[in-house]
PDB file of N, CA and C in Angstrom:
ATOM      1  N   MET A   1       1.565  24.661   6.797  1.00  0.00           N
ATOM      2  CA  MET A   1       2.224  23.461   6.333  1.00  0.00           C
ATOM      3  C   MET A   1       1.170  22.408   6.004  1.00  0.00           C
ATOM      4  N   LYS A   2       1.206  21.900   4.807  1.00  0.00           N
ATOM      5  CA  LYS A   2       0.231  20.921   4.358  1.00  0.00           C
ATOM      6  C   LYS A   2       0.783  19.507   4.552  1.00  0.00           C
ATOM      7  N   LEU A   3      -0.009  18.651   5.180  1.00  0.00           N
ATOM      8  CA  LEU A   3       0.391  17.267   5.392  1.00  0.00           C
ATOM      9  C   LEU A   3       0.026  16.435   4.168  1.00  0.00           C
ATOM     10  N   GLU A   4       0.947  15.592   3.747  1.00  0.00           N
ATOM     11  CA  GLU A   4       0.688  14.714   2.620  1.00  0.00           C
ATOM     12  C   GLU A   4       0.410  13.306   3.127  1.00  0.00           C
ATOM     13  N   GLU A   5      -0.446  12.601   2.396  1.00  0.00           N
ATOM     14  CA  GLU A   5      -0.787  11.240   2.759  1.00  0.00           C
ATOM     15  C   GLU A   5       0.338  10.293   2.382  1.00  0.00           C
ATOM     16  N   VAL A   6       0.637   9.365   3.252  1.00  0.00           N
ATOM     17  CA  VAL A   6       1.661   8.366   2.986  1.00  0.00           C
ATOM     18  C   VAL A   6       0.995   7.205   2.244  1.00  0.00           C
ATOM     19  N   PRO A   7       1.516   6.786   1.099  1.00  0.00           N
ATOM     20  CA  PRO A   7       0.882   5.706   0.338  1.00  0.00           C
ATOM     21  C   PRO A   7       0.967   4.367   1.072  1.00  0.00           C
ATOM     22  N   GLU A   8      -0.049   3.536   0.877  1.00  0.00           N
ATOM     23  CA  GLU A   8      -0.072   2.193   1.458  1.00  0.00           C
ATOM     24  C   GLU A   8       0.888   1.299   0.682  1.00  0.00           C
ATOM     25  N   PRO A   9       1.578   0.387   1.359  1.00  0.00           N
ATOM     26  CA  PRO A   9       2.472  -0.520   0.645  1.00  0.00           C
ATOM     27  C   PRO A   9       1.676  -1.517  -0.199  1.00  0.00           C
ATOM     28  N   VAL A  10       2.219  -1.893  -1.338  1.00  0.00           N
ATOM     29  CA  VAL A  10       1.547  -2.856  -2.201  1.00  0.00           C
ATOM     30  C   VAL A  10       2.138  -4.257  -2.048  1.00  0.00           C
ATOM     31  N   SER A  11       3.197  -4.372  -1.271  1.00  0.00           N
ATOM     32  CA  SER A  11       3.824  -5.674  -1.069  1.00  0.00           C
ATOM     33  C   SER A  11       3.092  -6.445   0.022  1.00  0.00           C
ATOM     34  N   THR A  12       3.094  -7.765  -0.109  1.00  0.00           N
ATOM     35  CA  THR A  12       2.437  -8.635   0.859  1.00  0.00           C
ATOM     36  C   THR A  12       3.296  -9.871   1.089  1.00  0.00           C
ATOM     37  N   TYR A  13       2.933 -10.609   2.096  1.00  0.00           N
ATOM     38  CA  TYR A  13       3.515 -11.925   2.319  1.00  0.00           C
ATOM     39  C   TYR A  13       2.480 -12.947   1.881  1.00  0.00           C
ATOM     40  N   ILE A  14       2.932 -14.012   1.242  1.00  0.00           N
ATOM     41  CA  ILE A  14       2.025 -15.013   0.700  1.00  0.00           C
ATOM     42  C   ILE A  14       2.440 -16.379   1.228  1.00  0.00           C
ATOM     43  N   ARG A  15       1.490 -17.106   1.801  1.00  0.00           N
ATOM     44  CA  ARG A  15       1.761 -18.471   2.261  1.00  0.00           C
ATOM     45  C   ARG A  15       1.400 -19.403   1.111  1.00  0.00           C
ATOM     46  N   VAL A  16       2.391 -20.197   0.673  1.00  0.00           N
ATOM     47  CA  VAL A  16       2.190 -21.113  -0.443  1.00  0.00           C
ATOM     48  C   VAL A  16       2.468 -22.546  -0.010  1.00  0.00           C
ATOM     49  N   LYS A  17       1.915 -23.480  -0.771  1.00  0.00           N
ATOM     50  CA  LYS A  17       2.089 -24.904  -0.489  1.00  0.00           C
ATOM     51  C   LYS A  17       2.775 -25.544  -1.690  1.00  0.00           C
ATOM     52  N   CYS A  18       3.849 -26.255  -1.439  1.00  0.00           N
ATOM     53  CA  CYS A  18       4.603 -26.927  -2.487  1.00  0.00           C
ATOM     54  C   CYS A  18       3.732 -27.997  -3.133  1.00  0.00           C
ATOM     55  N   LYS A  19       3.723 -28.035  -4.467  1.00  0.00           N
ATOM     56  CA  LYS A  19       2.916 -29.029  -5.184  1.00  0.00           C
ATOM     57  C   LYS A  19       3.515 -30.422  -5.101  1.00  0.00           C
ATOM     58  N   ASP A  20       4.822 -30.515  -4.871  1.00  0.00           N
ATOM     59  CA  ASP A  20       5.469 -31.825  -4.836  1.00  0.00           C
ATOM     60  C   ASP A  20       5.385 -32.502  -3.469  1.00  0.00           C
ATOM     61  N   CYS A  21       5.762 -31.779  -2.402  1.00  0.00           N
ATOM     62  CA  CYS A  21       5.824 -32.426  -1.083  1.00  0.00           C
ATOM     63  C   CYS A  21       4.769 -31.920  -0.099  1.00  0.00           C
ATOM     64  N   GLY A  22       4.096 -30.804  -0.404  1.00  0.00           N
ATOM     65  CA  GLY A  22       3.045 -30.300   0.470  1.00  0.00           C
ATOM     66  C   GLY A  22       3.525 -29.399   1.592  1.00  0.00           C
ATOM     67  N   ALA A  23       4.807 -29.065   1.633  1.00  0.00           N
ATOM     68  CA  ALA A  23       5.334 -28.191   2.680  1.00  0.00           C
ATOM     69  C   ALA A  23       4.864 -26.753   2.448  1.00  0.00           C
ATOM     70  N   GLU A  24       4.550 -26.050   3.531  1.00  0.00           N
ATOM     71  CA  GLU A  24       4.111 -24.662   3.448  1.00  0.00           C
ATOM     72  C   GLU A  24       5.284 -23.717   3.679  1.00  0.00           C
ATOM     73  N   THR A  25       5.307 -22.610   2.916  1.00  0.00           N
ATOM     74  CA  THR A  25       6.372 -21.629   3.013  1.00  0.00           C
ATOM     75  C   THR A  25       5.778 -20.245   2.907  1.00  0.00           C
ATOM     76  N   LEU A  26       6.324 -19.293   3.649  1.00  0.00           N
ATOM     77  CA  LEU A  26       5.909 -17.901   3.587  1.00  0.00           C
ATOM     78  C   LEU A  26       6.893 -17.160   2.690  1.00  0.00           C
ATOM     79  N   ILE A  27       6.384 -16.542   1.604  1.00  0.00           N
ATOM     80  CA  ILE A  27       7.256 -15.843   0.669  1.00  0.00           C
ATOM     81  C   ILE A  27       6.834 -14.385   0.562  1.00  0.00           C
ATOM     82  N   TYR A  28       7.749 -13.551   0.097  1.00  0.00           N
ATOM     83  CA  TYR A  28       7.515 -12.123  -0.095  1.00  0.00           C
ATOM     84  C   TYR A  28       7.060 -11.904  -1.532  1.00  0.00           C
ATOM     85  N   SER A  29       6.041 -11.075  -1.727  1.00  0.00           N
ATOM     86  CA  SER A  29       5.440 -10.897  -3.049  1.00  0.00           C
ATOM     87  C   SER A  29       6.359 -10.228  -4.060  1.00  0.00           C
ATOM     88  N   HIS A  30       7.370  -9.511  -3.610  1.00  0.00           N
ATOM     89  CA  HIS A  30       8.287  -8.818  -4.513  1.00  0.00           C
ATOM     90  C   HIS A  30       9.722  -9.326  -4.345  1.00  0.00           C
ATOM     91  N   ALA A  31       9.879 -10.622  -4.145  1.00  0.00           N
ATOM     92  CA  ALA A  31      11.204 -11.214  -3.958  1.00  0.00           C
ATOM     93  C   ALA A  31      12.047 -11.036  -5.220  1.00  0.00           C
ATOM     94  N   THR A  32      13.346 -10.929  -5.039  1.00  0.00           N
ATOM     95  CA  THR A  32      14.255 -10.697  -6.165  1.00  0.00           C
ATOM     96  C   THR A  32      15.082 -11.929  -6.512  1.00  0.00           C
ATOM     97  N   THR A  33      14.878 -13.023  -5.802  1.00  0.00           N
ATOM     98  CA  THR A  33      15.583 -14.264  -6.090  1.00  0.00           C
ATOM     99  C   THR A  33      14.585 -15.403  -6.210  1.00  0.00           C
ATOM    100  N   GLU A  34      14.998 -16.482  -6.841  1.00  0.00           N
ATOM    101  CA  GLU A  34      14.133 -17.650  -6.939  1.00  0.00           C
ATOM    102  C   GLU A  34      13.909 -18.227  -5.549  1.00  0.00           C
ATOM    103  N   ILE A  35      12.686 -18.670  -5.302  1.00  0.00           N
ATOM    104  CA  ILE A  35      12.355 -19.254  -4.001  1.00  0.00           C
ATOM    105  C   ILE A  35      12.089 -20.728  -4.212  1.00  0.00           C
ATOM    106  N   LYS A  36      12.867 -21.555  -3.495  1.00  0.00           N
ATOM    107  CA  LYS A  36      12.748 -23.003  -3.619  1.00  0.00           C
ATOM    108  C   LYS A  36      12.249 -23.595  -2.309  1.00  0.00           C
ATOM    109  N   CYS A  37      11.599 -24.745  -2.405  1.00  0.00           N
ATOM    110  CA  CYS A  37      11.103 -25.467  -1.235  1.00  0.00           C
ATOM    111  C   CYS A  37      12.291 -25.939  -0.410  1.00  0.00           C
ATOM    112  N   LYS A  38      12.225 -25.740   0.890  1.00  0.00           N
ATOM    113  CA  LYS A  38      13.319 -26.143   1.774  1.00  0.00           C
ATOM    114  C   LYS A  38      13.344 -27.656   2.001  1.00  0.00           C
ATOM    115  N   ILE A  39      12.244 -28.330   1.701  1.00  0.00           N
ATOM    116  CA  ILE A  39      12.176 -29.779   1.904  1.00  0.00           C
ATOM    117  C   ILE A  39      12.655 -30.537   0.663  1.00  0.00           C
ATOM    118  N   CYS A  40      12.020 -30.270  -0.497  1.00  0.00           N
ATOM    119  CA  CYS A  40      12.341 -31.054  -1.695  1.00  0.00           C
ATOM    120  C   CYS A  40      13.135 -30.289  -2.749  1.00  0.00           C
ATOM    121  N   GLY A  41      13.247 -28.959  -2.620  1.00  0.00           N
ATOM    122  CA  GLY A  41      14.050 -28.177  -3.550  1.00  0.00           C
ATOM    123  C   GLY A  41      13.345 -27.746  -4.828  1.00  0.00           C
ATOM    124  N   SER A  42      12.050 -28.019  -4.967  1.00  0.00           N
ATOM    125  CA  SER A  42      11.351 -27.602  -6.188  1.00  0.00           C
ATOM    126  C   SER A  42      11.107 -26.094  -6.174  1.00  0.00           C
ATOM    127  N   LEU A  43      10.987 -25.503  -7.343  1.00  0.00           N
ATOM    128  CA  LEU A  43      10.834 -24.063  -7.493  1.00  0.00           C
ATOM    129  C   LEU A  43       9.419 -23.631  -7.119  1.00  0.00           C
ATOM    130  N   LEU A  44       9.290 -22.700  -6.149  1.00  0.00           N
ATOM    131  CA  LEU A  44       7.989 -22.203  -5.710  1.00  0.00           C
ATOM    132  C   LEU A  44       7.618 -20.889  -6.380  1.00  0.00           C
ATOM    133  N   ALA A  45       8.607 -20.010  -6.600  1.00  0.00           N
ATOM    134  CA  ALA A  45       8.351 -18.707  -7.208  1.00  0.00           C
ATOM    135  C   ALA A  45       9.619 -18.195  -7.858  1.00  0.00           C
ATOM    136  N   LYS A  46       9.447 -17.416  -8.935  1.00  0.00           N
ATOM    137  CA  LYS A  46      10.610 -16.820  -9.582  1.00  0.00           C
ATOM    138  C   LYS A  46      10.340 -15.348  -9.849  1.00  0.00           C
ATOM    139  N   PRO A  47      11.387 -14.508  -9.751  1.00  0.00           N
ATOM    140  CA  PRO A  47      11.216 -13.064  -9.904  1.00  0.00           C
ATOM    141  C   PRO A  47      10.921 -12.677 -11.348  1.00  0.00           C
ATOM    142  N   THR A  48      10.180 -11.564 -11.500  1.00  0.00           N
ATOM    143  CA  THR A  48       9.846 -11.073 -12.836  1.00  0.00           C
ATOM    144  C   THR A  48      10.229  -9.614 -13.010  1.00  0.00           C
ATOM    145  N   GLY A  49      10.863  -9.019 -12.008  1.00  0.00           N
ATOM    146  CA  GLY A  49      11.197  -7.604 -12.060  1.00  0.00           C
ATOM    147  C   GLY A  49      10.221  -6.762 -11.251  1.00  0.00           C
ATOM    148  N   GLY A  50       9.158  -7.363 -10.777  1.00  0.00           N
ATOM    149  CA  GLY A  50       8.156  -6.715  -9.925  1.00  0.00           C
ATOM    150  C   GLY A  50       7.676  -7.775  -8.954  1.00  0.00           C
ATOM    151  N   LYS A  51       6.428  -8.178  -9.120  1.00  0.00           N
ATOM    152  CA  LYS A  51       5.904  -9.266  -8.301  1.00  0.00           C
ATOM    153  C   LYS A  51       6.466 -10.591  -8.799  1.00  0.00           C
ATOM    154  N   VAL A  52       6.564 -11.554  -7.894  1.00  0.00           N
ATOM    155  CA  VAL A  52       7.068 -12.870  -8.282  1.00  0.00           C
ATOM    156  C   VAL A  52       5.985 -13.646  -9.020  1.00  0.00           C
ATOM    157  N   LYS A  53       6.425 -14.565  -9.869  1.00  0.00           N
ATOM    158  CA  LYS A  53       5.499 -15.481 -10.517  1.00  0.00           C
ATOM    159  C   LYS A  53       5.433 -16.710  -9.627  1.00  0.00           C
ATOM    160  N   ILE A  54       4.264 -16.982  -9.072  1.00  0.00           N
ATOM    161  CA  ILE A  54       4.097 -18.070  -8.117  1.00  0.00           C
ATOM    162  C   ILE A  54       3.781 -19.352  -8.866  1.00  0.00           C
ATOM    163  N   LEU A  55       4.576 -20.383  -8.610  1.00  0.00           N
ATOM    164  CA  LEU A  55       4.410 -21.670  -9.263  1.00  0.00           C
ATOM    165  C   LEU A  55       3.809 -22.707  -8.319  1.00  0.00           C
ATOM    166  N   ALA A  56       3.528 -22.329  -7.088  1.00  0.00           N
ATOM    167  CA  ALA A  56       2.958 -23.227  -6.087  1.00  0.00           C
ATOM    168  C   ALA A  56       1.511 -22.825  -5.816  1.00  0.00           C
ATOM    169  N   GLU A  57       0.848 -23.584  -4.968  1.00  0.00           N
ATOM    170  CA  GLU A  57      -0.538 -23.299  -4.598  1.00  0.00           C
ATOM    171  C   GLU A  57      -0.569 -22.210  -3.527  1.00  0.00           C
ATOM    172  N   ILE A  58      -1.369 -21.155  -3.751  1.00  0.00           N
ATOM    173  CA  ILE A  58      -1.491 -20.071  -2.777  1.00  0.00           C
ATOM    174  C   ILE A  58      -2.490 -20.485  -1.710  1.00  0.00           C
ATOM    175  N   ILE A  59      -2.072 -20.397  -0.456  1.00  0.00           N
ATOM    176  CA  ILE A  59      -2.942 -20.749   0.664  1.00  0.00           C
ATOM    177  C   ILE A  59      -3.543 -19.498   1.287  1.00  0.00           C
ATOM    178  N   GLN A  60      -2.702 -18.476   1.542  1.00  0.00           N
ATOM    179  CA  GLN A  60      -3.159 -17.276   2.237  1.00  0.00           C
ATOM    180  C   GLN A  60      -2.289 -16.095   1.847  1.00  0.00           C
ATOM    181  N   THR A  61      -2.917 -14.936   1.746  1.00  0.00           N
ATOM    182  CA  THR A  61      -2.201 -13.686   1.488  1.00  0.00           C
ATOM    183  C   THR A  61      -2.431 -12.768   2.668  1.00  0.00           C
ATOM    184  N   GLN A  62      -1.379 -12.117   3.149  1.00  0.00           N
ATOM    185  CA  GLN A  62      -1.521 -11.199   4.261  1.00  0.00           C
ATOM    186  C   GLN A  62      -0.689  -9.944   4.005  1.00  0.00           C
ATOM    187  N   ASN A  63      -1.151  -8.818   4.538  1.00  0.00           N
ATOM    188  CA  ASN A  63      -0.416  -7.567   4.403  1.00  0.00           C
ATOM    189  C   ASN A  63       0.851  -7.610   5.227  1.00  0.00           C
ATOM    190  N   LYS A  64       1.780  -6.743   4.905  1.00  0.00           N
ATOM    191  CA  LYS A  64       3.064  -6.680   5.593  1.00  0.00           C
ATOM    192  C   LYS A  64       2.877  -6.340   7.079  1.00  0.00           C
ATOM    193  N   ASP A  65       1.844  -5.546   7.417  1.00  0.00           N
ATOM    194  CA  ASP A  65       1.628  -5.116   8.793  1.00  0.00           C
ATOM    195  C   ASP A  65       0.908  -6.166   9.631  1.00  0.00           C
ATOM    196  N   ASP A  66       0.227  -7.139   9.008  1.00  0.00           N
ATOM    197  CA  ASP A  66      -0.491  -8.184   9.742  1.00  0.00           C
ATOM    198  C   ASP A  66       0.488  -9.182  10.323  1.00  0.00           C
ATOM    199  N   SER A  67       0.088  -9.824  11.398  1.00  0.00           N
ATOM    200  CA  SER A  67       0.947 -10.857  11.997  1.00  0.00           C
ATOM    201  C   SER A  67       0.406 -12.217  11.741  1.00  0.00           C
TER     202      SER A  67
END
């Protein structure tokens, strides 16, 4: 029996900072809905059918397995 390698996930979590109010939010790189700031309501990211288009400042990127 031959063992096959399991592929690494390409999705990540991204910490972004709102350009309007400065609030930080953790978003998923492959989100399927628009992501808005919980403080001021401005658009942080919008879906494109794959990875999201980020409209805010990226602070940090981390893998799904990292804490």
